[in-house]
């Protein structure tokens, strides 16, 4: 386990979490450091894995994937190897895969175009992973993708 972040690194991470497109100049001004010092600290945070990447967050409805669902996976054979993430990683509709405690082994976050597409996706997941599924359809998303509080 790595040590907690220094206050300046926390400030940099907090600013980048709020605005990943922030320039080094703006970031330096916001945290009170020189541009070169901020650049060096950001690179170090990236190398340590604190900052895992930068990405555009897309609106599912705007890109034709309005249906979001959570799919819980339960092994059909409890003695089978726990390699379910590898069995489903090729399925592009799966946005996230979480290993969880409880009755299920994993929960998948998926986005699809329609109920029919969800039905087809469930079939492909069951065939690929040899699992049973339980699906929760998301009705609305008041917020998502928050960064942890620093």
Protein backbone atom coordinates (compact mmCIF):
# COMPACT_ATOMS: atom_id res chain seq x y z
CA UNK A 1 0.00 0.00 0.00
CA UNK A 2 1.33 3.43 -0.91
CA UNK A 3 1.50 6.31 1.50
CA UNK A 4 -1.18 9.01 1.51
CA UNK A 5 -0.65 11.92 -0.82
CA UNK A 6 1.19 15.04 0.24
CA UNK A 7 -1.08 18.11 0.48
CA UNK A 8 0.22 19.61 -2.80
CA UNK A 9 -0.25 16.31 -4.63
CA UNK A 10 -3.76 16.08 -3.17
CA UNK A 11 -4.51 19.56 -4.49
CA UNK A 12 -3.19 18.66 -7.94
CA UNK A 13 -5.17 15.40 -8.02
CA UNK A 14 -8.32 17.19 -6.83
CA UNK A 15 -8.01 19.86 -9.56
CA UNK A 16 -7.37 17.27 -12.29
CA UNK A 17 -10.30 15.15 -11.09
CA UNK A 18 -12.54 18.20 -11.44
CA UNK A 19 -11.05 19.24 -14.80
CA UNK A 20 -8.85 16.70 -16.56
CA UNK A 21 -8.28 19.13 -19.42
CA UNK A 22 -6.78 21.78 -17.15
CA UNK A 23 -3.52 23.12 -18.59
CA UNK A 24 -0.31 22.95 -16.59
CA UNK A 25 -0.33 26.76 -16.48
CA UNK A 26 -3.83 26.91 -15.00
CA UNK A 27 -3.06 24.01 -12.67
CA UNK A 28 0.10 25.74 -11.42
CA UNK A 29 -1.87 28.91 -10.71
CA UNK A 30 -4.59 27.01 -8.86
CA UNK A 31 -2.18 25.13 -6.54
CA UNK A 32 0.46 27.84 -6.15
CA UNK A 33 3.43 26.16 -7.83
CA UNK A 34 5.54 26.81 -10.91
CA UNK A 35 4.50 25.19 -14.17
CA UNK A 36 7.62 22.97 -14.17
CA UNK A 37 6.98 21.84 -10.57
CA UNK A 38 3.37 20.96 -11.41
CA UNK A 39 4.45 19.12 -14.55
CA UNK A 40 6.97 17.09 -12.53
CA UNK A 41 4.42 16.28 -9.81
CA UNK A 42 1.76 15.23 -12.35
CA UNK A 43 4.24 12.91 -14.08
CA UNK A 44 5.16 11.38 -10.69
CA UNK A 45 1.44 10.90 -9.85
CA UNK A 46 0.97 9.18 -13.21
CA UNK A 47 4.01 6.93 -12.68
CA UNK A 48 2.79 5.94 -9.19
CA UNK A 49 -0.62 5.05 -10.65
CA UNK A 50 -2.49 7.70 -8.65
CA UNK A 51 -3.60 9.24 -11.95
CA UNK A 52 -4.63 6.28 -14.08
CA UNK A 53 -5.56 8.17 -17.21
CA UNK A 54 -7.56 10.92 -18.81
CA UNK A 55 -10.76 10.26 -20.70
CA UNK A 56 -13.81 11.93 -22.15
CA UNK A 57 -17.01 10.88 -20.38
CA UNK A 58 -19.63 10.18 -23.00
CA UNK A 59 -23.39 10.54 -22.60
CA UNK A 60 -24.92 7.13 -23.31
CA UNK A 61 -28.14 8.59 -24.70
CA UNK A 62 -26.29 10.92 -27.04
CA UNK A 63 -24.22 8.07 -28.52
CA UNK A 64 -27.13 5.66 -28.94
CA UNK A 65 -26.65 3.59 -25.77
CA UNK A 66 -29.47 4.83 -23.53
CA UNK A 67 -29.97 1.62 -21.53
CA UNK A 68 -27.62 1.10 -18.58
CA UNK A 69 -27.76 -2.06 -16.50
CA UNK A 70 -25.93 -3.81 -13.68
CA UNK A 71 -25.48 -7.51 -14.25
CA UNK A 72 -24.59 -9.76 -11.32
CA UNK A 73 -22.71 -12.97 -12.13
CA UNK A 74 -23.08 -16.16 -10.11
CA UNK A 75 -21.01 -19.22 -11.09
CA UNK A 76 -22.97 -22.22 -12.31
CA UNK A 77 -20.18 -24.40 -10.89
CA UNK A 78 -18.80 -23.04 -7.60
CA UNK A 79 -15.71 -25.20 -8.08
CA UNK A 80 -14.85 -23.63 -11.45
CA UNK A 81 -11.78 -21.38 -11.69
CA UNK A 82 -12.44 -17.71 -10.85
CA UNK A 83 -11.55 -16.40 -14.31
CA UNK A 84 -14.84 -14.71 -15.18
CA UNK A 85 -13.33 -11.30 -16.00
CA UNK A 86 -11.09 -12.93 -18.61
CA UNK A 87 -14.05 -14.85 -20.03
CA UNK A 88 -16.04 -11.66 -20.66
CA UNK A 89 -13.35 -9.02 -21.32
CA UNK A 90 -13.88 -9.32 -25.09
CA UNK A 91 -17.50 -8.14 -24.76
CA UNK A 92 -17.33 -4.44 -25.58
CA UNK A 93 -20.67 -3.46 -24.02
CA UNK A 94 -19.19 -4.14 -20.56
CA UNK A 95 -17.97 -0.82 -19.23
CA UNK A 96 -16.82 -1.97 -15.76
CA UNK A 97 -16.34 -5.25 -13.91
CA UNK A 98 -16.36 -5.30 -10.10
CA UNK A 99 -15.38 -8.24 -7.91
CA UNK A 100 -17.84 -8.21 -5.00
CA UNK A 101 -18.56 -9.92 -1.70
CA UNK A 102 -21.91 -11.64 -1.29
CA UNK A 103 -23.91 -14.14 -3.27
CA UNK A 104 -22.62 -12.92 -6.62
CA UNK A 105 -18.98 -13.03 -7.68
CA UNK A 106 -18.92 -10.04 -10.01
CA UNK A 107 -21.11 -7.14 -11.05
CA UNK A 108 -20.84 -5.73 -14.55
CA UNK A 109 -21.85 -2.23 -15.62
CA UNK A 110 -23.10 -2.31 -19.21
CA UNK A 111 -24.60 0.13 -21.72
CA UNK A 112 -26.68 -0.99 -24.68
CA UNK A 113 -29.05 0.43 -27.26
CA UNK A 114 -32.26 -1.40 -26.34
CA UNK A 115 -33.92 -4.11 -24.25
CA UNK A 116 -33.40 -6.50 -27.18
CA UNK A 117 -29.67 -5.65 -27.19
CA UNK A 118 -29.57 -6.29 -23.43
CA UNK A 119 -31.20 -9.67 -23.92
CA UNK A 120 -28.59 -10.59 -26.55
CA UNK A 121 -25.79 -9.34 -24.28
CA UNK A 122 -27.04 -11.46 -21.38
CA UNK A 123 -27.04 -14.53 -23.62
CA UNK A 124 -23.44 -13.85 -24.71
CA UNK A 125 -22.28 -13.28 -21.12
CA UNK A 126 -23.91 -16.51 -19.93
CA UNK A 127 -22.37 -18.49 -22.80
CA UNK A 128 -18.89 -16.98 -22.41
CA UNK A 129 -18.62 -17.14 -18.62
CA UNK A 130 -20.84 -20.16 -17.83
CA UNK A 131 -22.68 -18.18 -15.14
CA UNK A 132 -26.20 -17.29 -14.16
CA UNK A 133 -27.08 -13.61 -14.17
CA UNK A 134 -29.32 -11.21 -12.30
CA UNK A 135 -29.95 -7.89 -14.02
CA UNK A 136 -30.92 -4.50 -12.64
CA UNK A 137 -31.90 -1.90 -15.23
CA UNK A 138 -30.97 1.69 -14.37
CA UNK A 139 -33.94 4.06 -14.64
CA UNK A 140 -31.98 7.29 -14.21
CA UNK A 141 -28.52 8.42 -13.15
CA UNK A 142 -28.58 11.42 -10.83
CA UNK A 143 -24.75 11.33 -10.76
CA UNK A 144 -21.89 9.00 -11.65
CA UNK A 145 -18.16 8.96 -12.15
CA UNK A 146 -17.32 10.96 -9.05
CA UNK A 147 -13.71 11.01 -7.96
CA UNK A 148 -12.88 10.02 -4.40
CA UNK A 149 -12.78 12.88 -1.93
CA UNK A 150 -9.22 13.99 -1.19
